[in-house]
Amino acid sequence: MTAFVTLGLEHSIANWFFLPYGLVLDEQGAVPLAGVCRNLAVVTAGNILGGTLLVAGVYWIAYLRGGRRGA
């Protein structure tokens, strides 16, 4: 998980830990709760969409696209 954050990537599972952790450590209220929720919603939707398209697309190309069907 820390590798995703260190590299600057957005991953919903990593954000589910690091954003609430940041809220707990934030003494001055610099991290708005609405921003945390918006980030988690957008990143989770992007992970679902990207994972679905990439994983399903690769399987479709590898196994189902125009080839012979099972015997």
PDB file of N, CA and C in Angstrom:
ATOM      1  N   MET A   1       0.808  -1.190   0.000  1.00  0.00           N
ATOM      2  CA  MET A   1       0.000   0.000   0.000  1.00  0.00           C
ATOM      3  C   MET A   1       0.859   1.265   0.000  1.00  0.00           C
ATOM      4  N   THR A   2       1.874   1.282   0.808  1.00  0.00           N
ATOM      5  CA  THR A   2       2.688   2.492   0.871  1.00  0.00           C
ATOM      6  C   THR A   2       3.401   2.766  -0.436  1.00  0.00           C
ATOM      7  N   ALA A   3       3.659   1.726  -1.219  1.00  0.00           N
ATOM      8  CA  ALA A   3       4.299   1.932  -2.521  1.00  0.00           C
ATOM      9  C   ALA A   3       3.408   2.764  -3.437  1.00  0.00           C
ATOM     10  N   PHE A   4       2.097   2.520  -3.421  1.00  0.00           N
ATOM     11  CA  PHE A   4       1.173   3.309  -4.245  1.00  0.00           C
ATOM     12  C   PHE A   4       1.235   4.776  -3.860  1.00  0.00           C
ATOM     13  N   VAL A   5       1.226   5.062  -2.580  1.00  0.00           N
ATOM     14  CA  VAL A   5       1.245   6.447  -2.115  1.00  0.00           C
ATOM     15  C   VAL A   5       2.595   7.084  -2.400  1.00  0.00           C
ATOM     16  N   THR A   6       3.668   6.347  -2.164  1.00  0.00           N
ATOM     17  CA  THR A   6       5.006   6.874  -2.411  1.00  0.00           C
ATOM     18  C   THR A   6       5.214   7.235  -3.864  1.00  0.00           C
ATOM     19  N   LEU A   7       4.672   6.429  -4.765  1.00  0.00           N
ATOM     20  CA  LEU A   7       4.794   6.692  -6.196  1.00  0.00           C
ATOM     21  C   LEU A   7       3.805   7.746  -6.687  1.00  0.00           C
ATOM     22  N   GLY A   8       2.905   8.175  -5.823  1.00  0.00           N
ATOM     23  CA  GLY A   8       1.937   9.190  -6.205  1.00  0.00           C
ATOM     24  C   GLY A   8       0.741   8.634  -6.955  1.00  0.00           C
ATOM     25  N   LEU A   9       0.520   7.344  -6.879  1.00  0.00           N
ATOM     26  CA  LEU A   9      -0.600   6.729  -7.572  1.00  0.00           C
ATOM     27  C   LEU A   9      -1.835   6.745  -6.687  1.00  0.00           C
ATOM     28  N   GLU A  10      -2.983   6.682  -7.308  1.00  0.00           N
ATOM     29  CA  GLU A  10      -4.237   6.639  -6.569  1.00  0.00           C
ATOM     30  C   GLU A  10      -4.776   5.218  -6.610  1.00  0.00           C
ATOM     31  N   HIS A  11      -4.991   4.651  -5.461  1.00  0.00           N
ATOM     32  CA  HIS A  11      -5.557   3.308  -5.354  1.00  0.00           C
ATOM     33  C   HIS A  11      -6.559   3.343  -4.214  1.00  0.00           C
ATOM     34  N   SER A  12      -7.763   2.871  -4.473  1.00  0.00           N
ATOM     35  CA  SER A  12      -8.836   3.033  -3.496  1.00  0.00           C
ATOM     36  C   SER A  12      -8.528   2.362  -2.162  1.00  0.00           C
ATOM     37  N   ILE A  13      -7.948   1.181  -2.173  1.00  0.00           N
ATOM     38  CA  ILE A  13      -7.673   0.493  -0.918  1.00  0.00           C
ATOM     39  C   ILE A  13      -6.610   1.238  -0.114  1.00  0.00           C
ATOM     40  N   ALA A  14      -5.576   1.729  -0.789  1.00  0.00           N
ATOM     41  CA  ALA A  14      -4.554   2.518  -0.094  1.00  0.00           C
ATOM     42  C   ALA A  14      -5.163   3.794   0.468  1.00  0.00           C
ATOM     43  N   ASN A  15      -6.040   4.433  -0.295  1.00  0.00           N
ATOM     44  CA  ASN A  15      -6.669   5.665   0.170  1.00  0.00           C
ATOM     45  C   ASN A  15      -7.619   5.424   1.340  1.00  0.00           C
ATOM     46  N   TRP A  16      -8.247   4.253   1.406  1.00  0.00           N
ATOM     47  CA  TRP A  16      -9.130   3.950   2.520  1.00  0.00           C
ATOM     48  C   TRP A  16      -8.351   3.904   3.834  1.00  0.00           C
ATOM     49  N   PHE A  17      -7.060   3.671   3.776  1.00  0.00           N
ATOM     50  CA  PHE A  17      -6.243   3.732   4.988  1.00  0.00           C
ATOM     51  C   PHE A  17      -5.647   5.121   5.189  1.00  0.00           C
ATOM     52  N   PHE A  18      -5.019   5.662   4.167  1.00  0.00           N
ATOM     53  CA  PHE A  18      -4.227   6.877   4.354  1.00  0.00           C
ATOM     54  C   PHE A  18      -5.062   8.137   4.534  1.00  0.00           C
ATOM     55  N   LEU A  19      -6.203   8.253   3.888  1.00  0.00           N
ATOM     56  CA  LEU A  19      -7.009   9.463   4.065  1.00  0.00           C
ATOM     57  C   LEU A  19      -7.612   9.557   5.475  1.00  0.00           C
ATOM     58  N   PRO A  20      -8.240   8.508   6.007  1.00  0.00           N
ATOM     59  CA  PRO A  20      -8.703   8.607   7.399  1.00  0.00           C
ATOM     60  C   PRO A  20      -7.552   8.777   8.395  1.00  0.00           C
ATOM     61  N   TYR A  21      -6.431   8.163   8.115  1.00  0.00           N
ATOM     62  CA  TYR A  21      -5.249   8.326   8.969  1.00  0.00           C
ATOM     63  C   TYR A  21      -4.816   9.792   8.986  1.00  0.00           C
ATOM     64  N   GLY A  22      -4.840  10.417   7.828  1.00  0.00           N
ATOM     65  CA  GLY A  22      -4.518  11.842   7.741  1.00  0.00           C
ATOM     66  C   GLY A  22      -5.511  12.699   8.505  1.00  0.00           C
ATOM     67  N   LEU A  23      -6.794  12.317   8.461  1.00  0.00           N
ATOM     68  CA  LEU A  23      -7.803  13.063   9.224  1.00  0.00           C
ATOM     69  C   LEU A  23      -7.543  12.975  10.727  1.00  0.00           C
ATOM     70  N   VAL A  24      -7.143  11.799  11.190  1.00  0.00           N
ATOM     71  CA  VAL A  24      -6.867  11.615  12.613  1.00  0.00           C
ATOM     72  C   VAL A  24      -5.664  12.455  13.043  1.00  0.00           C
ATOM     73  N   LEU A  25      -4.648  12.528  12.204  1.00  0.00           N
ATOM     74  CA  LEU A  25      -3.439  13.272  12.551  1.00  0.00           C
ATOM     75  C   LEU A  25      -3.559  14.775  12.319  1.00  0.00           C
ATOM     76  N   ASP A  26      -4.595  15.207  11.610  1.00  0.00           N
ATOM     77  CA  ASP A  26      -4.762  16.609  11.240  1.00  0.00           C
ATOM     78  C   ASP A  26      -5.338  17.399  12.411  1.00  0.00           C
ATOM     79  N   GLU A  27      -4.490  18.167  13.077  1.00  0.00           N
ATOM     80  CA  GLU A  27      -4.932  18.943  14.236  1.00  0.00           C
ATOM     81  C   GLU A  27      -5.585  20.258  13.849  1.00  0.00           C
ATOM     82  N   GLN A  28      -5.251  20.806  12.694  1.00  0.00           N
ATOM     83  CA  GLN A  28      -5.734  22.133  12.320  1.00  0.00           C
ATOM     84  C   GLN A  28      -6.920  22.092  11.359  1.00  0.00           C
ATOM     85  N   GLY A  29      -7.378  20.920  10.995  1.00  0.00           N
ATOM     86  CA  GLY A  29      -8.529  20.813  10.104  1.00  0.00           C
ATOM     87  C   GLY A  29      -8.225  21.178   8.664  1.00  0.00           C
ATOM     88  N   ALA A  30      -7.000  20.920   8.219  1.00  0.00           N
ATOM     89  CA  ALA A  30      -6.609  21.265   6.860  1.00  0.00           C
ATOM     90  C   ALA A  30      -7.139  20.286   5.824  1.00  0.00           C
ATOM     91  N   VAL A  31      -7.557  19.110   6.262  1.00  0.00           N
ATOM     92  CA  VAL A  31      -8.086  18.097   5.353  1.00  0.00           C
ATOM     93  C   VAL A  31      -9.605  18.071   5.506  1.00  0.00           C
ATOM     94  N   PRO A  32     -10.347  18.603   4.521  1.00  0.00           N
ATOM     95  CA  PRO A  32     -11.802  18.617   4.655  1.00  0.00           C
ATOM     96  C   PRO A  32     -12.397  17.217   4.445  1.00  0.00           C
ATOM     97  N   LEU A  33     -13.371  16.867   5.258  1.00  0.00           N
ATOM     98  CA  LEU A  33     -14.021  15.564   5.159  1.00  0.00           C
ATOM     99  C   LEU A  33     -14.689  15.382   3.798  1.00  0.00           C
ATOM    100  N   ALA A  34     -15.252  16.446   3.244  1.00  0.00           N
ATOM    101  CA  ALA A  34     -15.885  16.355   1.917  1.00  0.00           C
ATOM    102  C   ALA A  34     -14.841  16.017   0.852  1.00  0.00           C
ATOM    103  N   GLY A  35     -13.651  16.556   0.980  1.00  0.00           N
ATOM    104  CA  GLY A  35     -12.574  16.238   0.035  1.00  0.00           C
ATOM    105  C   GLY A  35     -12.147  14.790   0.125  1.00  0.00           C
ATOM    106  N   VAL A  36     -12.112  14.258   1.341  1.00  0.00           N
ATOM    107  CA  VAL A  36     -11.774  12.847   1.548  1.00  0.00           C
ATOM    108  C   VAL A  36     -12.817  11.963   0.882  1.00  0.00           C
ATOM    109  N   CYS A  37     -14.090  12.261   1.119  1.00  0.00           N
ATOM    110  CA  CYS A  37     -15.170  11.464   0.528  1.00  0.00           C
ATOM    111  C   CYS A  37     -15.160  11.551  -0.987  1.00  0.00           C
ATOM    112  N   ARG A  38     -14.942  12.733  -1.526  1.00  0.00           N
ATOM    113  CA  ARG A  38     -14.889  12.907  -2.982  1.00  0.00           C
ATOM    114  C   ARG A  38     -13.716  12.126  -3.573  1.00  0.00           C
ATOM    115  N   ASN A  39     -12.560  12.200  -2.925  1.00  0.00           N
ATOM    116  CA  ASN A  39     -11.401  11.453  -3.403  1.00  0.00           C
ATOM    117  C   ASN A  39     -11.669   9.958  -3.401  1.00  0.00           C
ATOM    118  N   LEU A  40     -12.218   9.447  -2.311  1.00  0.00           N
ATOM    119  CA  LEU A  40     -12.493   8.013  -2.231  1.00  0.00           C
ATOM    120  C   LEU A  40     -13.512   7.577  -3.274  1.00  0.00           C
ATOM    121  N   ALA A  41     -14.535   8.386  -3.511  1.00  0.00           N
ATOM    122  CA  ALA A  41     -15.558   8.038  -4.501  1.00  0.00           C
ATOM    123  C   ALA A  41     -14.983   8.014  -5.911  1.00  0.00           C
ATOM    124  N   VAL A  42     -14.234   9.036  -6.267  1.00  0.00           N
ATOM    125  CA  VAL A  42     -13.681   9.121  -7.624  1.00  0.00           C
ATOM    126  C   VAL A  42     -12.633   8.034  -7.858  1.00  0.00           C
ATOM    127  N   VAL A  43     -11.752   7.837  -6.908  1.00  0.00           N
ATOM    128  CA  VAL A  43     -10.692   6.841  -7.067  1.00  0.00           C
ATOM    129  C   VAL A  43     -11.271   5.428  -7.098  1.00  0.00           C
ATOM    130  N   THR A  44     -12.246   5.155  -6.253  1.00  0.00           N
ATOM    131  CA  THR A  44     -12.869   3.830  -6.251  1.00  0.00           C
ATOM    132  C   THR A  44     -13.585   3.570  -7.572  1.00  0.00           C
ATOM    133  N   ALA A  45     -14.313   4.553  -8.077  1.00  0.00           N
ATOM    134  CA  ALA A  45     -14.978   4.402  -9.379  1.00  0.00           C
ATOM    135  C   ALA A  45     -13.949   4.192 -10.489  1.00  0.00           C
ATOM    136  N   GLY A  46     -12.862   4.933 -10.439  1.00  0.00           N
ATOM    137  CA  GLY A  46     -11.811   4.761 -11.444  1.00  0.00           C
ATOM    138  C   GLY A  46     -11.146   3.402 -11.367  1.00  0.00           C
ATOM    139  N   ASN A  47     -10.917   2.907 -10.160  1.00  0.00           N
ATOM    140  CA  ASN A  47     -10.341   1.576 -10.006  1.00  0.00           C
ATOM    141  C   ASN A  47     -11.285   0.497 -10.512  1.00  0.00           C
ATOM    142  N   ILE A  48     -12.566   0.635 -10.235  1.00  0.00           N
ATOM    143  CA  ILE A  48     -13.541  -0.343 -10.711  1.00  0.00           C
ATOM    144  C   ILE A  48     -13.623  -0.312 -12.229  1.00  0.00           C
ATOM    145  N   LEU A  49     -13.741   0.865 -12.787  1.00  0.00           N
ATOM    146  CA  LEU A  49     -13.839   0.994 -14.242  1.00  0.00           C
ATOM    147  C   LEU A  49     -12.555   0.532 -14.929  1.00  0.00           C
ATOM    148  N   GLY A  50     -11.421   1.017 -14.469  1.00  0.00           N
ATOM    149  CA  GLY A  50     -10.142   0.635 -15.069  1.00  0.00           C
ATOM    150  C   GLY A  50      -9.841  -0.837 -14.903  1.00  0.00           C
ATOM    151  N   GLY A  51     -10.079  -1.367 -13.714  1.00  0.00           N
ATOM    152  CA  GLY A  51      -9.846  -2.790 -13.484  1.00  0.00           C
ATOM    153  C   GLY A  51     -10.753  -3.657 -14.323  1.00  0.00           C
ATOM    154  N   THR A  52     -12.017  -3.252 -14.434  1.00  0.00           N
ATOM    155  CA  THR A  52     -12.964  -4.020 -15.236  1.00  0.00           C
ATOM    156  C   THR A  52     -12.559  -4.007 -16.696  1.00  0.00           C
ATOM    157  N   LEU A  53     -12.272  -2.829 -17.221  1.00  0.00           N
ATOM    158  CA  LEU A  53     -11.909  -2.741 -18.638  1.00  0.00           C
ATOM    159  C   LEU A  53     -10.582  -3.424 -18.933  1.00  0.00           C
ATOM    160  N   LEU A  54      -9.605  -3.198 -18.095  1.00  0.00           N
ATOM    161  CA  LEU A  54      -8.287  -3.779 -18.361  1.00  0.00           C
ATOM    162  C   LEU A  54      -8.272  -5.289 -18.180  1.00  0.00           C
ATOM    163  N   VAL A  55      -8.814  -5.767 -17.068  1.00  0.00           N
ATOM    164  CA  VAL A  55      -8.793  -7.208 -16.813  1.00  0.00           C
ATOM    165  C   VAL A  55      -9.705  -7.936 -17.789  1.00  0.00           C
ATOM    166  N   ALA A  56     -10.948  -7.463 -17.923  1.00  0.00           N
ATOM    167  CA  ALA A  56     -11.876  -8.116 -18.849  1.00  0.00           C
ATOM    168  C   ALA A  56     -11.392  -7.976 -20.291  1.00  0.00           C
ATOM    169  N   GLY A  57     -10.836  -6.835 -20.632  1.00  0.00           N
ATOM    170  CA  GLY A  57     -10.329  -6.633 -21.991  1.00  0.00           C
ATOM    171  C   GLY A  57      -9.168  -7.560 -22.325  1.00  0.00           C
ATOM    172  N   VAL A  58      -8.256  -7.735 -21.396  1.00  0.00           N
ATOM    173  CA  VAL A  58      -7.129  -8.632 -21.633  1.00  0.00           C
ATOM    174  C   VAL A  58      -7.614 -10.074 -21.757  1.00  0.00           C
ATOM    175  N   TYR A  59      -8.543 -10.498 -20.907  1.00  0.00           N
ATOM    176  CA  TYR A  59      -9.087 -11.858 -21.027  1.00  0.00           C
ATOM    177  C   TYR A  59      -9.841 -12.037 -22.344  1.00  0.00           C
ATOM    178  N   TRP A  60     -10.569 -11.013 -22.751  1.00  0.00           N
ATOM    179  CA  TRP A  60     -11.301 -11.096 -24.016  1.00  0.00           C
ATOM    180  C   TRP A  60     -10.334 -11.241 -25.184  1.00  0.00           C
ATOM    181  N   ILE A  61      -9.282 -10.451 -25.177  1.00  0.00           N
ATOM    182  CA  ILE A  61      -8.286 -10.536 -26.245  1.00  0.00           C
ATOM    183  C   ILE A  61      -7.581 -11.887 -26.209  1.00  0.00           C
ATOM    184  N   ALA A  62      -7.260 -12.365 -25.032  1.00  0.00           N
ATOM    185  CA  ALA A  62      -6.490 -13.606 -24.908  1.00  0.00           C
ATOM    186  C   ALA A  62      -7.315 -14.853 -25.206  1.00  0.00           C
ATOM    187  N   TYR A  63      -8.579 -14.877 -24.829  1.00  0.00           N
ATOM    188  CA  TYR A  63      -9.316 -16.138 -24.881  1.00  0.00           C
ATOM    189  C   TYR A  63     -10.550 -16.160 -25.776  1.00  0.00           C
ATOM    190  N   LEU A  64     -11.215 -15.056 -25.983  1.00  0.00           N
ATOM    191  CA  LEU A  64     -12.505 -15.103 -26.671  1.00  0.00           C
ATOM    192  C   LEU A  64     -12.531 -14.460 -28.050  1.00  0.00           C
ATOM    193  N   ARG A  65     -11.616 -13.616 -28.357  1.00  0.00           N
ATOM    194  CA  ARG A  65     -11.676 -12.835 -29.581  1.00  0.00           C
ATOM    195  C   ARG A  65     -11.450 -13.694 -30.803  1.00  0.00           C
ATOM    196  N   GLY A  66     -12.472 -13.911 -31.583  1.00  0.00           N
ATOM    197  CA  GLY A  66     -12.397 -14.484 -32.915  1.00  0.00           C
ATOM    198  C   GLY A  66     -11.685 -15.830 -33.062  1.00  0.00           C
ATOM    199  N   GLY A  67     -11.325 -16.460 -32.015  1.00  0.00           N
ATOM    200  CA  GLY A  67     -10.624 -17.741 -32.127  1.00  0.00           C
ATOM    201  C   GLY A  67     -11.588 -18.915 -32.134  1.00  0.00           C
ATOM    202  N   ARG A  68     -11.015 -20.090 -32.139  1.00  0.00           N
ATOM    203  CA  ARG A  68     -11.850 -21.287 -32.062  1.00  0.00           C
ATOM    204  C   ARG A  68     -12.479 -21.382 -30.687  1.00  0.00           C
ATOM    205  N   ARG A  69     -13.688 -21.827 -30.680  1.00  0.00           N
ATOM    206  CA  ARG A  69     -14.374 -22.041 -29.406  1.00  0.00           C
ATOM    207  C   ARG A  69     -14.011 -23.425 -28.895  1.00  0.00           C
ATOM    208  N   GLY A  70     -14.219 -23.661 -27.616  1.00  0.00           N
ATOM    209  CA  GLY A  70     -13.875 -24.950 -26.985  1.00  0.00           C
ATOM    210  C   GLY A  70     -14.452 -26.141 -27.721  1.00  0.00           C
ATOM    211  N   ALA A  71     -13.780 -27.255 -27.636  1.00  0.00           N
ATOM    212  CA  ALA A  71     -14.221 -28.445 -28.364  1.00  0.00           C
ATOM    213  C   ALA A  71     -15.246 -29.223 -27.637  1.00  0.00           C
TER     214      ALA A  71
END
